[in-house]
Amino acid sequence: TSEEYTEYCDKIRSQVTKKYHNLIKNAHQYLCYMHLLSYNFVKCIEHGKKLQEIEGVAKQTLYNVQMYLAEAKCMLGRYEESLTHLEAAEGMS
């Protein structure tokens, strides 16, 4: 029936949206880390900030991002900002 088809489409849409949301979160975390490793600290910070803005990110992921941001900002000589991220990470552990 038409109602069953609509329910089916809504279910599929929901599943695709959830997978897309997870893909975006994973991509930003990976890019944040890879830019940190490749000494591109500005890009690391950009992806870390984007990841922090996404809802539903796991606590462990947010902890990792805080640590990545702390290291990137420290390497850029932004020590006070780096400490802010370390304190935020400490609050999560």
N, C-alpha and C. Protein backbone atom coordinates (compact mmCIF):
# COMPACT_ATOMS: atom_id res chain seq x y z
N THR A 1 0.84 -1.19 0.00
CA THR A 1 0.00 0.00 0.00
C THR A 1 0.88 1.25 0.00
N SER A 2 0.22 2.35 -0.16
CA SER A 2 0.94 3.63 -0.19
C SER A 2 1.58 3.95 1.15
N GLU A 3 0.91 3.65 2.23
CA GLU A 3 1.46 3.91 3.57
C GLU A 3 2.68 3.05 3.85
N GLU A 4 2.62 1.80 3.46
CA GLU A 4 3.76 0.90 3.66
C GLU A 4 4.96 1.37 2.86
N TYR A 5 4.70 1.82 1.64
CA TYR A 5 5.79 2.32 0.80
C TYR A 5 6.41 3.56 1.42
N THR A 6 5.59 4.45 1.93
CA THR A 6 6.09 5.67 2.58
C THR A 6 6.91 5.33 3.81
N GLU A 7 6.45 4.39 4.61
CA GLU A 7 7.20 3.95 5.79
C GLU A 7 8.54 3.34 5.38
N TYR A 8 8.51 2.52 4.33
CA TYR A 8 9.73 1.90 3.84
C TYR A 8 10.73 2.97 3.38
N CYS A 9 10.27 3.95 2.63
CA CYS A 9 11.14 5.04 2.15
C CYS A 9 11.71 5.83 3.31
N ASP A 10 10.89 6.10 4.32
CA ASP A 10 11.37 6.83 5.50
C ASP A 10 12.43 6.04 6.24
N LYS A 11 12.23 4.73 6.33
CA LYS A 11 13.20 3.87 7.01
C LYS A 11 14.55 3.89 6.27
N ILE A 12 14.49 3.76 4.95
CA ILE A 12 15.71 3.78 4.13
C ILE A 12 16.39 5.14 4.24
N ARG A 13 15.62 6.22 4.19
CA ARG A 13 16.17 7.57 4.30
C ARG A 13 16.87 7.76 5.64
N SER A 14 16.27 7.24 6.69
CA SER A 14 16.85 7.34 8.02
C SER A 14 18.18 6.59 8.11
N GLN A 15 18.23 5.40 7.54
CA GLN A 15 19.45 4.60 7.56
C GLN A 15 20.57 5.27 6.76
N VAL A 16 20.24 5.82 5.61
CA VAL A 16 21.24 6.49 4.77
C VAL A 16 21.76 7.73 5.48
N THR A 17 20.86 8.49 6.10
CA THR A 17 21.26 9.69 6.81
C THR A 17 22.20 9.36 7.96
N LYS A 18 21.90 8.29 8.70
CA LYS A 18 22.76 7.89 9.82
C LYS A 18 24.14 7.47 9.32
N LYS A 19 24.19 6.70 8.24
CA LYS A 19 25.48 6.27 7.69
C LYS A 19 26.28 7.46 7.17
N TYR A 20 25.59 8.41 6.53
CA TYR A 20 26.27 9.60 6.03
C TYR A 20 26.82 10.42 7.19
N HIS A 21 26.04 10.56 8.25
CA HIS A 21 26.47 11.30 9.43
C HIS A 21 27.72 10.67 10.03
N ASN A 22 27.74 9.35 10.14
CA ASN A 22 28.91 8.64 10.67
C ASN A 22 30.11 8.79 9.75
N LEU A 23 29.88 8.77 8.46
CA LEU A 23 30.96 8.93 7.49
C LEU A 23 31.60 10.31 7.64
N ILE A 24 30.79 11.33 7.80
CA ILE A 24 31.31 12.69 7.96
C ILE A 24 32.14 12.80 9.24
N LYS A 25 31.62 12.24 10.34
CA LYS A 25 32.37 12.27 11.60
C LYS A 25 33.72 11.58 11.45
N ASN A 26 33.71 10.39 10.86
CA ASN A 26 34.94 9.64 10.69
C ASN A 26 35.93 10.36 9.78
N ALA A 27 35.43 10.99 8.73
CA ALA A 27 36.31 11.70 7.80
C ALA A 27 36.99 12.87 8.50
N HIS A 28 36.24 13.64 9.28
CA HIS A 28 36.86 14.78 9.97
C HIS A 28 37.87 14.32 11.02
N GLN A 29 37.57 13.24 11.72
CA GLN A 29 38.53 12.75 12.70
C GLN A 29 39.82 12.28 12.01
N TYR A 30 39.67 11.53 10.95
CA TYR A 30 40.83 11.03 10.21
C TYR A 30 41.66 12.18 9.63
N LEU A 31 40.98 13.16 9.02
CA LEU A 31 41.69 14.29 8.43
C LEU A 31 42.37 15.14 9.50
N CYS A 32 41.73 15.31 10.63
CA CYS A 32 42.34 16.05 11.73
C CYS A 32 43.65 15.38 12.14
N TYR A 33 43.60 14.07 12.30
CA TYR A 33 44.79 13.32 12.72
C TYR A 33 45.87 13.33 11.64
N MET A 34 45.48 13.12 10.39
CA MET A 34 46.47 13.06 9.32
C MET A 34 47.14 14.42 9.10
N HIS A 35 46.38 15.50 9.23
CA HIS A 35 47.00 16.82 9.09
C HIS A 35 47.95 17.09 10.25
N LEU A 36 47.62 16.58 11.43
CA LEU A 36 48.53 16.73 12.57
C LEU A 36 49.83 16.00 12.29
N LEU A 37 49.73 14.78 11.77
CA LEU A 37 50.92 13.98 11.48
C LEU A 37 51.77 14.59 10.36
N SER A 38 51.12 15.29 9.44
CA SER A 38 51.85 15.86 8.30
C SER A 38 52.25 17.32 8.54
N TYR A 39 52.15 17.75 9.80
CA TYR A 39 52.58 19.09 10.22
C TYR A 39 51.76 20.22 9.59
N ASN A 40 50.56 19.91 9.16
CA ASN A 40 49.65 20.94 8.63
C ASN A 40 48.68 21.28 9.76
N PHE A 41 49.17 22.04 10.72
CA PHE A 41 48.44 22.28 11.96
C PHE A 41 47.19 23.13 11.76
N VAL A 42 47.21 24.04 10.81
CA VAL A 42 46.03 24.87 10.56
C VAL A 42 44.87 24.00 10.07
N LYS A 43 45.14 23.10 9.15
CA LYS A 43 44.10 22.19 8.64
C LYS A 43 43.64 21.23 9.73
N CYS A 44 44.53 20.80 10.58
CA CYS A 44 44.18 19.94 11.71
C CYS A 44 43.15 20.65 12.58
N ILE A 45 43.41 21.91 12.87
CA ILE A 45 42.51 22.69 13.71
C ILE A 45 41.16 22.87 13.02
N GLU A 46 41.16 23.13 11.72
CA GLU A 46 39.91 23.30 10.98
C GLU A 46 39.03 22.06 11.09
N HIS A 47 39.61 20.89 10.86
CA HIS A 47 38.81 19.66 10.91
C HIS A 47 38.40 19.32 12.34
N GLY A 48 39.25 19.62 13.29
CA GLY A 48 38.89 19.40 14.69
C GLY A 48 37.70 20.24 15.11
N LYS A 49 37.69 21.49 14.69
CA LYS A 49 36.57 22.38 15.01
C LYS A 49 35.29 21.91 14.36
N LYS A 50 35.38 21.47 13.11
CA LYS A 50 34.20 20.96 12.41
C LYS A 50 33.64 19.74 13.13
N LEU A 51 34.52 18.87 13.58
CA LEU A 51 34.09 17.66 14.28
C LEU A 51 33.42 18.01 15.61
N GLN A 52 33.92 19.01 16.29
CA GLN A 52 33.32 19.42 17.56
C GLN A 52 31.91 19.97 17.38
N GLU A 53 31.61 20.50 16.21
CA GLU A 53 30.30 21.08 15.95
C GLU A 53 29.24 20.03 15.61
N ILE A 54 29.67 18.82 15.31
CA ILE A 54 28.74 17.76 14.93
C ILE A 54 28.13 17.13 16.17
N GLU A 55 26.83 16.95 16.15
CA GLU A 55 26.14 16.32 17.28
C GLU A 55 26.32 14.80 17.23
N GLY A 56 26.34 14.20 18.40
CA GLY A 56 26.39 12.76 18.50
C GLY A 56 27.77 12.15 18.38
N VAL A 57 28.80 12.95 18.55
CA VAL A 57 30.17 12.43 18.47
C VAL A 57 30.50 11.75 19.80
N ALA A 58 31.10 10.59 19.74
CA ALA A 58 31.44 9.82 20.94
C ALA A 58 32.41 10.58 21.83
N LYS A 59 32.30 10.35 23.12
CA LYS A 59 33.14 11.03 24.10
C LYS A 59 34.62 10.76 23.84
N GLN A 60 34.97 9.54 23.50
CA GLN A 60 36.36 9.18 23.22
C GLN A 60 36.89 9.95 22.00
N THR A 61 36.04 10.11 21.00
CA THR A 61 36.43 10.85 19.81
C THR A 61 36.68 12.32 20.16
N LEU A 62 35.79 12.89 20.96
CA LEU A 62 35.96 14.29 21.37
C LEU A 62 37.23 14.46 22.20
N TYR A 63 37.53 13.47 23.03
CA TYR A 63 38.77 13.50 23.81
C TYR A 63 39.98 13.53 22.87
N ASN A 64 39.97 12.63 21.89
CA ASN A 64 41.08 12.57 20.92
C ASN A 64 41.23 13.90 20.19
N VAL A 65 40.12 14.48 19.78
CA VAL A 65 40.17 15.73 19.05
C VAL A 65 40.73 16.84 19.92
N GLN A 66 40.34 16.87 21.18
CA GLN A 66 40.90 17.88 22.09
C GLN A 66 42.42 17.74 22.17
N MET A 67 42.89 16.52 22.23
CA MET A 67 44.33 16.28 22.30
C MET A 67 45.02 16.68 20.98
N TYR A 68 44.40 16.37 19.84
CA TYR A 68 44.96 16.77 18.55
C TYR A 68 45.04 18.30 18.47
N LEU A 69 43.96 18.96 18.89
CA LEU A 69 43.93 20.42 18.84
C LEU A 69 44.98 21.02 19.78
N ALA A 70 45.13 20.42 20.95
CA ALA A 70 46.13 20.92 21.90
C ALA A 70 47.53 20.82 21.29
N GLU A 71 47.83 19.70 20.67
CA GLU A 71 49.16 19.53 20.08
C GLU A 71 49.37 20.48 18.91
N ALA A 72 48.36 20.62 18.05
CA ALA A 72 48.48 21.50 16.89
C ALA A 72 48.71 22.95 17.33
N LYS A 73 47.95 23.39 18.32
CA LYS A 73 48.08 24.78 18.77
C LYS A 73 49.41 25.00 19.49
N CYS A 74 49.87 24.01 20.18
CA CYS A 74 51.18 24.09 20.83
C CYS A 74 52.28 24.23 19.77
N MET A 75 52.18 23.45 18.72
CA MET A 75 53.18 23.51 17.65
C MET A 75 53.15 24.85 16.93
N LEU A 76 52.01 25.53 16.96
CA LEU A 76 51.90 26.86 16.35
C LEU A 76 52.28 27.97 17.32
N GLY A 77 52.67 27.58 18.54
CA GLY A 77 53.07 28.57 19.53
C GLY A 77 51.91 29.22 20.26
N ARG A 78 50.73 28.62 20.14
CA ARG A 78 49.54 29.16 20.80
C ARG A 78 49.32 28.37 22.09
N TYR A 79 50.19 28.60 23.05
CA TYR A 79 50.25 27.77 24.25
C TYR A 79 49.03 27.91 25.16
N GLU A 80 48.52 29.11 25.31
CA GLU A 80 47.35 29.32 26.17
C GLU A 80 46.14 28.58 25.61
N GLU A 81 45.96 28.66 24.30
CA GLU A 81 44.85 27.94 23.65
C GLU A 81 45.06 26.43 23.79
N SER A 82 46.29 26.01 23.69
CA SER A 82 46.60 24.60 23.84
C SER A 82 46.20 24.09 25.22
N LEU A 83 46.49 24.88 26.24
CA LEU A 83 46.11 24.49 27.61
C LEU A 83 44.61 24.37 27.78
N THR A 84 43.87 25.21 27.09
CA THR A 84 42.41 25.14 27.14
C THR A 84 41.92 23.77 26.66
N HIS A 85 42.51 23.29 25.59
CA HIS A 85 42.12 21.98 25.05
C HIS A 85 42.56 20.84 25.98
N LEU A 86 43.72 20.98 26.58
CA LEU A 86 44.17 19.95 27.53
C LEU A 86 43.25 19.88 28.74
N GLU A 87 42.81 21.03 29.20
CA GLU A 87 41.90 21.06 30.35
C GLU A 87 40.54 20.46 29.97
N ALA A 88 40.08 20.74 28.76
CA ALA A 88 38.82 20.16 28.30
C ALA A 88 38.93 18.64 28.20
N ALA A 89 40.07 18.17 27.70
CA ALA A 89 40.30 16.72 27.59
C ALA A 89 40.36 16.07 28.97
N GLU A 90 40.98 16.77 29.92
CA GLU A 90 41.06 16.25 31.27
C GLU A 90 39.67 16.10 31.88
N GLY A 91 38.81 17.02 31.58
CA GLY A 91 37.43 16.96 32.07
C GLY A 91 36.65 15.80 31.49
N MET A 92 37.08 15.28 30.35
CA MET A 92 36.38 14.17 29.70
C MET A 92 36.86 12.82 30.17
N SER A 93 38.07 12.79 30.76
CA SER A 93 38.65 11.48 31.13
C SER A 93 38.19 11.03 32.48
